[in-house]
Amino acid sequence: MCDAPAVNRTEIEIKLNRGRADALETVTAMSEDELRAPRTRSEHDAESWWSWADHFIHITLIEKNFNAMIRRHLEGRQGMDPAMVDESGKALRPIGDIMAYVHELTESWKVKHEGKPLEELVRISSVIRADTLKLLSETSDEQLRSKIPGAPWSDGTVGGIIAVHADHWKMHRKWAQEAAEPAAAG
């Protein structure tokens, strides 16, 4: 899900800012029809289609949840969800069950924000990105290098996980660009 892990806070911040700029430039260049047109099927509900706006707001939920996971880890608690992994990071459920839970969670976030004006989606995402940058500024170099047991993203370090948000957008942008609209898909 991530290219190479970012090595230091400056590289992480540059990567985050470039990814954020790309996301904002992509969605703000679209007409309202293009922004809201169905692009990809939901991985939770086959009747639900995701638009560019849905992909854009989705990445904010993951960023918000990753920030909470990192904070738990930095406080000395289990970072990953204890219902999903044990303290060593070993999965407690089959990956299919874990992904079904994640897809249900992300679909509910999509539904919660569906139809909101783009400016509101940008505002929501700005609040979350500001929290990410605050977290980055408060984290020591040693903490950035610490690994969260069981975290499969990037190299599993706090810094790598923070940096992965730019790659997450790239992945969703690619899926939305390559997707056929439902009418064309038959």
N, C-alpha and C. Protein backbone atom coordinates (compact mmCIF):
# COMPACT_ATOMS: atom_id res chain seq x y z
N MET A 1 0.83 -1.19 0.00
CA MET A 1 0.00 0.00 0.00
C MET A 1 0.87 1.25 0.00
N CYS A 2 2.12 1.13 0.24
CA CYS A 2 3.01 2.28 0.30
C CYS A 2 4.24 1.99 -0.53
N ASP A 3 4.75 3.00 -1.21
CA ASP A 3 6.00 2.84 -1.95
C ASP A 3 7.07 2.51 -0.92
N ALA A 4 8.07 3.35 -0.77
CA ALA A 4 9.09 3.14 0.25
C ALA A 4 8.71 3.97 1.47
N PRO A 5 8.96 3.45 2.65
CA PRO A 5 8.62 4.23 3.85
C PRO A 5 9.42 5.53 3.92
N ALA A 6 8.76 6.57 4.40
CA ALA A 6 9.43 7.85 4.57
C ALA A 6 10.41 7.72 5.73
N VAL A 7 11.60 8.30 5.58
CA VAL A 7 12.66 8.10 6.55
C VAL A 7 12.61 9.11 7.69
N ASN A 8 12.26 10.32 7.40
CA ASN A 8 12.27 11.32 8.47
C ASN A 8 11.05 12.23 8.36
N ARG A 9 10.87 13.03 9.39
CA ARG A 9 9.66 13.85 9.45
C ARG A 9 9.54 14.84 8.29
N THR A 10 10.65 15.35 7.81
CA THR A 10 10.59 16.27 6.68
C THR A 10 10.08 15.55 5.43
N GLU A 11 10.62 14.37 5.18
CA GLU A 11 10.16 13.58 4.03
C GLU A 11 8.70 13.19 4.19
N ILE A 12 8.30 12.84 5.39
CA ILE A 12 6.91 12.48 5.66
C ILE A 12 6.01 13.68 5.37
N GLU A 13 6.38 14.85 5.88
CA GLU A 13 5.53 16.02 5.68
C GLU A 13 5.45 16.41 4.21
N ILE A 14 6.57 16.34 3.49
CA ILE A 14 6.56 16.64 2.06
C ILE A 14 5.61 15.69 1.34
N LYS A 15 5.73 14.40 1.65
CA LYS A 15 4.88 13.39 1.01
C LYS A 15 3.40 13.66 1.32
N LEU A 16 3.10 13.94 2.58
CA LEU A 16 1.71 14.23 2.95
C LEU A 16 1.18 15.45 2.20
N ASN A 17 1.99 16.51 2.14
CA ASN A 17 1.53 17.74 1.48
C ASN A 17 1.35 17.55 -0.02
N ARG A 18 2.24 16.80 -0.65
CA ARG A 18 2.09 16.54 -2.09
C ARG A 18 0.85 15.70 -2.35
N GLY A 19 0.64 14.68 -1.53
CA GLY A 19 -0.55 13.85 -1.70
C GLY A 19 -1.83 14.63 -1.47
N ARG A 20 -1.82 15.49 -0.46
CA ARG A 20 -3.00 16.32 -0.18
C ARG A 20 -3.28 17.27 -1.33
N ALA A 21 -2.23 17.91 -1.85
CA ALA A 21 -2.41 18.83 -2.98
C ALA A 21 -2.98 18.08 -4.18
N ASP A 22 -2.48 16.89 -4.45
CA ASP A 22 -2.98 16.11 -5.57
C ASP A 22 -4.46 15.78 -5.38
N ALA A 23 -4.84 15.36 -4.18
CA ALA A 23 -6.24 15.03 -3.91
C ALA A 23 -7.14 16.25 -4.12
N LEU A 24 -6.73 17.39 -3.56
CA LEU A 24 -7.54 18.60 -3.69
C LEU A 24 -7.61 19.07 -5.13
N GLU A 25 -6.48 19.05 -5.83
CA GLU A 25 -6.47 19.48 -7.24
C GLU A 25 -7.33 18.56 -8.09
N THR A 26 -7.30 17.28 -7.80
CA THR A 26 -8.09 16.32 -8.58
C THR A 26 -9.58 16.57 -8.41
N VAL A 27 -10.06 16.61 -7.17
CA VAL A 27 -11.52 16.72 -6.97
C VAL A 27 -12.05 18.12 -7.26
N THR A 28 -11.26 19.16 -7.02
CA THR A 28 -11.78 20.51 -7.28
C THR A 28 -11.79 20.86 -8.76
N ALA A 29 -11.07 20.10 -9.58
CA ALA A 29 -11.08 20.35 -11.03
C ALA A 29 -12.30 19.73 -11.71
N MET A 30 -13.07 18.94 -10.98
CA MET A 30 -14.20 18.22 -11.56
C MET A 30 -15.48 19.03 -11.51
N SER A 31 -16.34 18.76 -12.50
CA SER A 31 -17.70 19.29 -12.43
C SER A 31 -18.43 18.52 -11.34
N GLU A 32 -19.53 19.05 -10.89
CA GLU A 32 -20.33 18.38 -9.86
C GLU A 32 -20.79 17.01 -10.37
N ASP A 33 -21.19 16.93 -11.63
CA ASP A 33 -21.62 15.64 -12.19
C ASP A 33 -20.50 14.62 -12.17
N GLU A 34 -19.30 15.02 -12.56
CA GLU A 34 -18.16 14.10 -12.58
C GLU A 34 -17.79 13.68 -11.15
N LEU A 35 -17.83 14.62 -10.22
CA LEU A 35 -17.49 14.35 -8.82
C LEU A 35 -18.44 13.32 -8.21
N ARG A 36 -19.71 13.37 -8.61
CA ARG A 36 -20.74 12.52 -7.99
C ARG A 36 -21.10 11.28 -8.80
N ALA A 37 -20.57 11.14 -10.00
CA ALA A 37 -20.90 9.99 -10.84
C ALA A 37 -20.39 8.70 -10.20
N PRO A 38 -21.18 7.62 -10.30
CA PRO A 38 -20.72 6.33 -9.76
C PRO A 38 -19.45 5.86 -10.47
N ARG A 39 -18.48 5.39 -9.70
CA ARG A 39 -17.21 4.95 -10.28
C ARG A 39 -16.87 3.50 -9.93
N THR A 40 -16.98 3.14 -8.66
CA THR A 40 -16.61 1.78 -8.23
C THR A 40 -17.69 1.24 -7.30
N ARG A 41 -17.85 -0.08 -7.33
CA ARG A 41 -18.81 -0.72 -6.41
C ARG A 41 -18.24 -0.74 -5.00
N SER A 42 -19.12 -0.59 -4.05
CA SER A 42 -18.75 -0.75 -2.65
C SER A 42 -18.29 -2.18 -2.42
N GLU A 43 -17.32 -2.34 -1.56
CA GLU A 43 -16.87 -3.68 -1.21
C GLU A 43 -17.71 -4.26 -0.07
N HIS A 44 -18.66 -3.48 0.42
CA HIS A 44 -19.56 -3.96 1.48
C HIS A 44 -20.95 -4.23 0.94
N ASP A 45 -21.44 -3.36 0.07
CA ASP A 45 -22.81 -3.43 -0.43
C ASP A 45 -22.76 -3.36 -1.96
N ALA A 46 -23.03 -4.46 -2.62
CA ALA A 46 -22.93 -4.52 -4.08
C ALA A 46 -23.89 -3.57 -4.79
N GLU A 47 -24.91 -3.10 -4.09
CA GLU A 47 -25.85 -2.15 -4.68
C GLU A 47 -25.36 -0.71 -4.58
N SER A 48 -24.32 -0.48 -3.82
CA SER A 48 -23.81 0.87 -3.58
C SER A 48 -22.60 1.14 -4.49
N TRP A 49 -22.62 2.31 -5.10
CA TRP A 49 -21.50 2.74 -5.94
C TRP A 49 -20.81 3.93 -5.29
N TRP A 50 -19.49 3.96 -5.41
CA TRP A 50 -18.71 5.07 -4.86
C TRP A 50 -18.33 6.03 -5.98
N SER A 51 -18.45 7.30 -5.67
CA SER A 51 -18.07 8.38 -6.58
C SER A 51 -16.67 8.88 -6.21
N TRP A 52 -16.17 9.82 -7.00
CA TRP A 52 -14.91 10.48 -6.64
C TRP A 52 -15.02 11.10 -5.25
N ALA A 53 -16.15 11.75 -4.97
CA ALA A 53 -16.34 12.39 -3.65
C ALA A 53 -16.27 11.35 -2.54
N ASP A 54 -16.84 10.17 -2.77
CA ASP A 54 -16.81 9.10 -1.77
C ASP A 54 -15.39 8.60 -1.54
N HIS A 55 -14.62 8.44 -2.60
CA HIS A 55 -13.23 8.01 -2.45
C HIS A 55 -12.43 9.07 -1.68
N PHE A 56 -12.69 10.34 -1.99
CA PHE A 56 -11.99 11.43 -1.32
C PHE A 56 -12.28 11.42 0.18
N ILE A 57 -13.55 11.30 0.57
CA ILE A 57 -13.87 11.35 2.00
C ILE A 57 -13.46 10.05 2.70
N HIS A 58 -13.43 8.95 1.97
CA HIS A 58 -13.00 7.68 2.56
C HIS A 58 -11.59 7.77 3.14
N ILE A 59 -10.69 8.39 2.40
CA ILE A 59 -9.31 8.42 2.87
C ILE A 59 -9.19 9.17 4.20
N THR A 60 -10.13 10.08 4.47
CA THR A 60 -10.08 10.81 5.74
C THR A 60 -10.45 9.92 6.92
N LEU A 61 -11.38 8.98 6.71
CA LEU A 61 -11.74 8.07 7.80
C LEU A 61 -10.54 7.22 8.19
N ILE A 62 -9.84 6.71 7.20
CA ILE A 62 -8.68 5.86 7.49
C ILE A 62 -7.60 6.69 8.19
N GLU A 63 -7.38 7.91 7.72
CA GLU A 63 -6.39 8.78 8.36
C GLU A 63 -6.77 9.05 9.81
N LYS A 64 -8.04 9.33 10.05
CA LYS A 64 -8.53 9.58 11.41
C LYS A 64 -8.30 8.36 12.30
N ASN A 65 -8.64 7.17 11.78
CA ASN A 65 -8.48 5.94 12.56
C ASN A 65 -7.01 5.60 12.78
N PHE A 66 -6.16 5.85 11.78
CA PHE A 66 -4.73 5.60 11.95
C PHE A 66 -4.15 6.54 13.01
N ASN A 67 -4.59 7.80 13.02
CA ASN A 67 -4.11 8.73 14.04
C ASN A 67 -4.44 8.22 15.44
N ALA A 68 -5.66 7.71 15.61
CA ALA A 68 -6.06 7.17 16.91
C ALA A 68 -5.23 5.94 17.27
N MET A 69 -4.97 5.08 16.29
CA MET A 69 -4.16 3.89 16.52
C MET A 69 -2.74 4.28 16.95
N ILE A 70 -2.17 5.26 16.26
CA ILE A 70 -0.81 5.71 16.59
C ILE A 70 -0.78 6.30 17.99
N ARG A 71 -1.77 7.10 18.32
CA ARG A 71 -1.80 7.69 19.67
C ARG A 71 -1.88 6.61 20.75
N ARG A 72 -2.71 5.60 20.52
CA ARG A 72 -2.79 4.50 21.50
C ARG A 72 -1.41 3.85 21.66
N HIS A 73 -0.76 3.60 20.54
CA HIS A 73 0.57 2.98 20.57
C HIS A 73 1.56 3.86 21.34
N LEU A 74 1.56 5.15 21.06
CA LEU A 74 2.50 6.06 21.71
C LEU A 74 2.21 6.21 23.21
N GLU A 75 0.98 5.98 23.61
CA GLU A 75 0.60 6.02 25.03
C GLU A 75 0.93 4.70 25.73
N GLY A 76 1.47 3.74 24.99
CA GLY A 76 1.84 2.47 25.59
C GLY A 76 0.72 1.44 25.60
N ARG A 77 -0.37 1.77 24.94
CA ARG A 77 -1.47 0.81 24.84
C ARG A 77 -1.35 0.06 23.52
N GLN A 78 -2.19 -0.92 23.34
CA GLN A 78 -2.20 -1.66 22.07
C GLN A 78 -2.72 -0.74 20.98
N GLY A 79 -1.91 -0.56 19.93
CA GLY A 79 -2.30 0.33 18.86
C GLY A 79 -3.40 -0.23 17.99
N MET A 80 -3.19 -1.45 17.51
CA MET A 80 -4.18 -2.10 16.65
C MET A 80 -5.41 -2.48 17.47
N ASP A 81 -6.54 -2.60 16.81
CA ASP A 81 -7.80 -2.94 17.46
C ASP A 81 -7.67 -4.28 18.18
N PRO A 82 -7.86 -4.32 19.51
CA PRO A 82 -7.70 -5.56 20.27
C PRO A 82 -8.74 -6.63 19.91
N ALA A 83 -9.80 -6.25 19.22
CA ALA A 83 -10.77 -7.24 18.76
C ALA A 83 -10.24 -7.96 17.51
N MET A 84 -9.22 -7.38 16.88
CA MET A 84 -8.69 -7.93 15.64
C MET A 84 -7.34 -8.62 15.80
N VAL A 85 -6.48 -8.07 16.68
CA VAL A 85 -5.14 -8.64 16.87
C VAL A 85 -4.81 -8.69 18.36
N ASP A 86 -3.92 -9.62 18.74
CA ASP A 86 -3.48 -9.65 20.13
C ASP A 86 -2.34 -8.66 20.31
N GLU A 87 -1.79 -8.57 21.52
CA GLU A 87 -0.75 -7.58 21.82
C GLU A 87 0.51 -7.76 20.98
N SER A 88 0.75 -8.98 20.51
CA SER A 88 1.93 -9.22 19.68
C SER A 88 1.68 -8.82 18.22
N GLY A 89 0.42 -8.56 17.89
CA GLY A 89 0.06 -8.22 16.52
C GLY A 89 -0.49 -9.38 15.72
N LYS A 90 -0.61 -10.55 16.35
CA LYS A 90 -1.15 -11.72 15.66
C LYS A 90 -2.66 -11.55 15.47
N ALA A 91 -3.12 -11.81 14.24
CA ALA A 91 -4.54 -11.69 13.92
C ALA A 91 -5.36 -12.67 14.74
N LEU A 92 -6.47 -12.18 15.29
CA LEU A 92 -7.37 -13.03 16.07
C LEU A 92 -8.53 -13.55 15.23
N ARG A 93 -8.66 -13.02 14.03
CA ARG A 93 -9.75 -13.41 13.12
C ARG A 93 -9.16 -13.63 11.74
N PRO A 94 -9.84 -14.39 10.92
CA PRO A 94 -9.38 -14.55 9.54
C PRO A 94 -9.39 -13.19 8.82
N ILE A 95 -8.47 -12.99 7.90
CA ILE A 95 -8.36 -11.71 7.19
C ILE A 95 -9.67 -11.35 6.50
N GLY A 96 -10.40 -12.34 6.02
CA GLY A 96 -11.70 -12.07 5.38
C GLY A 96 -12.68 -11.40 6.34
N ASP A 97 -12.69 -11.85 7.60
CA ASP A 97 -13.56 -11.25 8.61
C ASP A 97 -13.12 -9.82 8.93
N ILE A 98 -11.82 -9.63 9.01
CA ILE A 98 -11.29 -8.30 9.31
C ILE A 98 -11.66 -7.34 8.18
N MET A 99 -11.46 -7.77 6.94
CA MET A 99 -11.76 -6.89 5.81
C MET A 99 -13.27 -6.63 5.69
N ALA A 100 -14.10 -7.61 6.01
CA ALA A 100 -15.55 -7.38 5.99
C ALA A 100 -15.92 -6.29 6.99
N TYR A 101 -15.32 -6.31 8.17
CA TYR A 101 -15.54 -5.28 9.18
C TYR A 101 -15.09 -3.91 8.66
N VAL A 102 -13.91 -3.87 8.06
CA VAL A 102 -13.38 -2.61 7.52
C VAL A 102 -14.30 -2.07 6.42
N HIS A 103 -14.74 -2.94 5.52
CA HIS A 103 -15.61 -2.50 4.42
C HIS A 103 -16.95 -1.97 4.94
N GLU A 104 -17.49 -2.61 5.97
CA GLU A 104 -18.73 -2.14 6.57
C GLU A 104 -18.53 -0.76 7.20
N LEU A 105 -17.43 -0.60 7.91
CA LEU A 105 -17.10 0.69 8.54
C LEU A 105 -16.95 1.79 7.49
N THR A 106 -16.22 1.51 6.42
CA THR A 106 -16.00 2.55 5.42
C THR A 106 -17.27 2.87 4.64
N GLU A 107 -18.12 1.87 4.44
CA GLU A 107 -19.40 2.14 3.76
C GLU A 107 -20.28 3.04 4.62
N SER A 108 -20.29 2.82 5.93
CA SER A 108 -21.11 3.68 6.80
C SER A 108 -20.59 5.11 6.80
N TRP A 109 -19.27 5.30 6.72
CA TRP A 109 -18.67 6.64 6.63
C TRP A 109 -19.07 7.31 5.32
N LYS A 110 -19.04 6.54 4.24
CA LYS A 110 -19.44 7.03 2.92
C LYS A 110 -20.90 7.51 2.97
N VAL A 111 -21.78 6.67 3.52
CA VAL A 111 -23.20 7.01 3.60
C VAL A 111 -23.41 8.27 4.46
N LYS A 112 -22.68 8.36 5.56
CA LYS A 112 -22.79 9.52 6.46
C LYS A 112 -22.47 10.83 5.74
N HIS A 113 -21.53 10.79 4.79
CA HIS A 113 -21.08 12.02 4.13
C HIS A 113 -21.60 12.18 2.70
N GLU A 114 -22.38 11.22 2.25
CA GLU A 114 -22.89 11.25 0.88
C GLU A 114 -23.73 12.50 0.64
N GLY A 115 -23.47 13.15 -0.48
CA GLY A 115 -24.24 14.32 -0.88
C GLY A 115 -23.81 15.63 -0.24
N LYS A 116 -22.87 15.59 0.68
CA LYS A 116 -22.40 16.84 1.27
C LYS A 116 -21.63 17.63 0.21
N PRO A 117 -21.72 18.95 0.26
CA PRO A 117 -20.98 19.77 -0.71
C PRO A 117 -19.47 19.50 -0.61
N LEU A 118 -18.79 19.63 -1.73
CA LEU A 118 -17.36 19.40 -1.75
C LEU A 118 -16.64 20.26 -0.72
N GLU A 119 -17.03 21.50 -0.58
CA GLU A 119 -16.37 22.38 0.40
C GLU A 119 -16.47 21.82 1.82
N GLU A 120 -17.58 21.16 2.14
CA GLU A 120 -17.73 20.54 3.46
C GLU A 120 -16.82 19.32 3.58
N LEU A 121 -16.72 18.53 2.52
CA LEU A 121 -15.82 17.37 2.54
C LEU A 121 -14.37 17.83 2.70
N VAL A 122 -14.02 18.91 2.03
CA VAL A 122 -12.66 19.46 2.16
C VAL A 122 -12.44 19.95 3.59
N ARG A 123 -13.43 20.60 4.18
CA ARG A 123 -13.30 21.08 5.56
C ARG A 123 -13.08 19.91 6.52
N ILE A 124 -13.88 18.87 6.38
CA ILE A 124 -13.75 17.69 7.24
C ILE A 124 -12.35 17.09 7.08
N SER A 125 -11.91 16.96 5.85
CA SER A 125 -10.59 16.37 5.61
C SER A 125 -9.47 17.28 6.10
N SER A 126 -9.68 18.58 6.06
CA SER A 126 -8.68 19.53 6.57
C SER A 126 -8.49 19.38 8.08
N VAL A 127 -9.58 19.17 8.80
CA VAL A 127 -9.50 18.97 10.25
C VAL A 127 -8.67 17.73 10.56
N ILE A 128 -8.93 16.67 9.81
CA ILE A 128 -8.20 15.42 10.06
C ILE A 128 -6.74 15.55 9.65
N ARG A 129 -6.46 16.20 8.51
CA ARG A 129 -5.06 16.38 8.11
C ARG A 129 -4.33 17.27 9.11
N ALA A 130 -4.99 18.29 9.64
CA ALA A 130 -4.35 19.13 10.65
C ALA A 130 -3.98 18.28 11.88
N ASP A 131 -4.85 17.35 12.24
CA ASP A 131 -4.55 16.46 13.37
C ASP A 131 -3.35 15.58 13.04
N THR A 132 -3.25 15.10 11.81
CA THR A 132 -2.11 14.28 11.40
C THR A 132 -0.82 15.07 11.51
N LEU A 133 -0.82 16.30 11.03
CA LEU A 133 0.39 17.14 11.09
C LEU A 133 0.74 17.47 12.55
N LYS A 134 -0.27 17.68 13.38
CA LYS A 134 -0.03 17.92 14.81
C LYS A 134 0.61 16.67 15.43
N LEU A 135 0.07 15.50 15.11
CA LEU A 135 0.63 14.25 15.62
C LEU A 135 2.08 14.10 15.17
N LEU A 136 2.36 14.39 13.92
CA LEU A 136 3.73 14.31 13.40
C LEU A 136 4.65 15.25 14.17
N SER A 137 4.17 16.46 14.45
CA SER A 137 5.00 17.45 15.14
C SER A 137 5.28 17.07 16.60
N GLU A 138 4.40 16.30 17.20
CA GLU A 138 4.53 15.93 18.61
C GLU A 138 5.29 14.61 18.81
N THR A 139 5.60 13.93 17.73
CA THR A 139 6.21 12.61 17.80
C THR A 139 7.73 12.72 17.66
N SER A 140 8.45 12.10 18.57
CA SER A 140 9.92 12.13 18.53
C SER A 140 10.42 11.26 17.37
N ASP A 141 11.68 11.44 17.01
CA ASP A 141 12.28 10.61 15.97
C ASP A 141 12.24 9.13 16.37
N GLU A 142 12.52 8.86 17.62
CA GLU A 142 12.48 7.47 18.11
C GLU A 142 11.07 6.90 17.98
N GLN A 143 10.07 7.70 18.32
CA GLN A 143 8.69 7.23 18.20
C GLN A 143 8.31 7.00 16.73
N LEU A 144 8.79 7.85 15.83
CA LEU A 144 8.51 7.66 14.40
C LEU A 144 9.05 6.32 13.91
N ARG A 145 10.16 5.86 14.49
CA ARG A 145 10.77 4.59 14.09
C ARG A 145 10.16 3.38 14.80
N SER A 146 9.34 3.62 15.83
CA SER A 146 8.77 2.49 16.58
C SER A 146 7.72 1.77 15.73
N LYS A 147 7.69 0.45 15.90
CA LYS A 147 6.76 -0.38 15.13
C LYS A 147 5.51 -0.65 15.95
N ILE A 148 4.38 -0.65 15.26
CA ILE A 148 3.11 -1.00 15.88
C ILE A 148 2.87 -2.48 15.59
N PRO A 149 2.87 -3.33 16.62
CA PRO A 149 2.70 -4.76 16.39
C PRO A 149 1.43 -5.07 15.59
N GLY A 150 1.63 -5.82 14.50
CA GLY A 150 0.51 -6.25 13.66
C GLY A 150 0.13 -5.28 12.56
N ALA A 151 0.71 -4.08 12.56
CA ALA A 151 0.35 -3.09 11.54
C ALA A 151 0.94 -3.49 10.18
N PRO A 152 0.08 -3.76 9.20
CA PRO A 152 0.57 -4.25 7.90
C PRO A 152 0.91 -3.14 6.90
N TRP A 153 0.75 -1.90 7.29
CA TRP A 153 0.93 -0.80 6.34
C TRP A 153 2.38 -0.34 6.32
N SER A 154 2.85 -0.05 5.13
CA SER A 154 4.21 0.42 4.94
C SER A 154 5.17 -0.55 5.63
N ASP A 155 6.06 -0.02 6.45
CA ASP A 155 7.02 -0.87 7.18
C ASP A 155 6.57 -1.12 8.62
N GLY A 156 5.33 -0.71 8.94
CA GLY A 156 4.80 -0.93 10.28
C GLY A 156 5.22 0.08 11.31
N THR A 157 6.10 1.03 10.92
CA THR A 157 6.53 2.06 11.87
C THR A 157 5.51 3.19 11.91
N VAL A 158 5.55 3.95 12.99
CA VAL A 158 4.67 5.11 13.12
C VAL A 158 4.88 6.06 11.94
N GLY A 159 6.14 6.36 11.62
CA GLY A 159 6.42 7.27 10.51
C GLY A 159 5.93 6.74 9.17
N GLY A 160 6.16 5.46 8.93
CA GLY A 160 5.69 4.85 7.69
C GLY A 160 4.18 4.87 7.58
N ILE A 161 3.51 4.62 8.69
CA ILE A 161 2.04 4.62 8.68
C ILE A 161 1.50 6.04 8.47
N ILE A 162 2.13 7.03 9.07
CA ILE A 162 1.69 8.42 8.82
C ILE A 162 1.86 8.76 7.34
N ALA A 163 2.99 8.39 6.77
CA ALA A 163 3.27 8.72 5.37
C ALA A 163 2.37 8.00 4.39
N VAL A 164 1.79 6.89 4.79
CA VAL A 164 1.01 6.06 3.87
C VAL A 164 -0.26 6.76 3.38
N HIS A 165 -0.67 7.83 4.03
CA HIS A 165 -1.90 8.52 3.61
C HIS A 165 -1.80 9.05 2.18
N ALA A 166 -0.63 9.49 1.77
CA ALA A 166 -0.47 9.96 0.39
C ALA A 166 -0.64 8.80 -0.58
N ASP A 167 -0.10 7.64 -0.24
CA ASP A 167 -0.24 6.46 -1.10
C ASP A 167 -1.68 5.96 -1.12
N HIS A 168 -2.38 6.10 -0.02
CA HIS A 168 -3.78 5.68 0.04
C HIS A 168 -4.60 6.47 -0.97
N TRP A 169 -4.37 7.78 -1.04
CA TRP A 169 -5.07 8.59 -2.03
C TRP A 169 -4.72 8.14 -3.44
N LYS A 170 -3.43 7.90 -3.71
CA LYS A 170 -3.02 7.47 -5.05
C LYS A 170 -3.73 6.20 -5.47
N MET A 171 -3.88 5.27 -4.53
CA MET A 171 -4.55 4.01 -4.81
C MET A 171 -6.03 4.24 -5.16
N HIS A 172 -6.71 5.07 -4.38
CA HIS A 172 -8.12 5.35 -4.66
C HIS A 172 -8.29 6.16 -5.94
N ARG A 173 -7.38 7.07 -6.20
CA ARG A 173 -7.44 7.84 -7.45
C ARG A 173 -7.33 6.88 -8.64
N LYS A 174 -6.40 5.95 -8.57
CA LYS A 174 -6.20 4.97 -9.64
C LYS A 174 -7.47 4.14 -9.85
N TRP A 175 -8.05 3.64 -8.76
CA TRP A 175 -9.27 2.84 -8.89
C TRP A 175 -10.39 3.65 -9.52
N ALA A 176 -10.57 4.89 -9.09
CA ALA A 176 -11.66 5.71 -9.64
C ALA A 176 -11.40 6.07 -11.10
N GLN A 177 -10.15 6.31 -11.46
CA GLN A 177 -9.82 6.62 -12.85
C GLN A 177 -10.06 5.43 -13.77
N GLU A 178 -9.73 4.25 -13.30
CA GLU A 178 -9.82 3.05 -14.13
C GLU A 178 -11.22 2.47 -14.17
N ALA A 179 -12.09 2.87 -13.26
CA ALA A 179 -13.40 2.26 -13.13
C ALA A 179 -14.33 2.67 -14.27
N ALA A 180 -15.18 1.76 -14.59
CA ALA A 180 -16.24 2.04 -15.56
C ALA A 180 -17.48 2.47 -14.78
N GLU A 181 -18.22 3.39 -15.35
CA GLU A 181 -19.48 3.78 -14.70
C GLU A 181 -20.46 2.61 -14.80
N PRO A 182 -21.40 2.50 -13.86
CA PRO A 182 -22.29 1.35 -13.84
C PRO A 182 -23.05 1.12 -15.14
N ALA A 183 -23.46 2.19 -15.81
CA ALA A 183 -24.20 2.03 -17.07
C ALA A 183 -23.31 1.38 -18.13
N ALA A 184 -22.04 1.76 -18.16
CA ALA A 184 -21.11 1.20 -19.14
C ALA A 184 -20.72 -0.23 -18.77
N ALA A 185 -20.79 -0.55 -17.48
CA ALA A 185 -20.40 -1.88 -17.02
C ALA A 185 -21.47 -2.93 -17.30
N GLY A 186 -22.67 -2.45 -17.64
CA GLY A 186 -23.74 -3.41 -17.96
C GLY A 186 -24.48 -3.77 -16.74
